[in-house]
C-alpha cells in the first residue's frame, strides 16, 4: 500500500470517512490525528476514537452540515489551528500513557 503521509502533510483538511451506516474507527482518522490535520467526518466515521466533536474534530451527518464544517475549517485559520492544537494534546497524552504503561510493564517483568 502506498504511503499517504506526503499527501496528508499538504492537506488543509481531511474529510474523514464519510459513513452514514456502519461502525468502528477508521485508520484514516488516526493518520490525520497523527499528522495534526483538521478533520471533518460523520459521527460514524470517527466512532471508537477518543475525539470529541467540536473540540478535536468537526462532524456533519447530513451533506449540508458536512460541507459547512469543511468550509469552516478552510475559511477560519483560528478554527483550524485550535482543532490541530486540541488533537495534538490528545495524541501526546495517549502516547504518553502508552509509553508509561509499557515502561511499567518492562520494569515489572525485569523484577520478577
Foldseek 3Di string as FASTA:
>chain_A
DDDCVVVLLPDQEAEFDADLDDADEDVVVVSNLVNLHAYEYACRHHHPDPDDDPQQHDYDNDPVSSVVVVVCSVVDVVSGVRNSVRSPVVVVVVVVVVVVVVVVVVVVVVVD
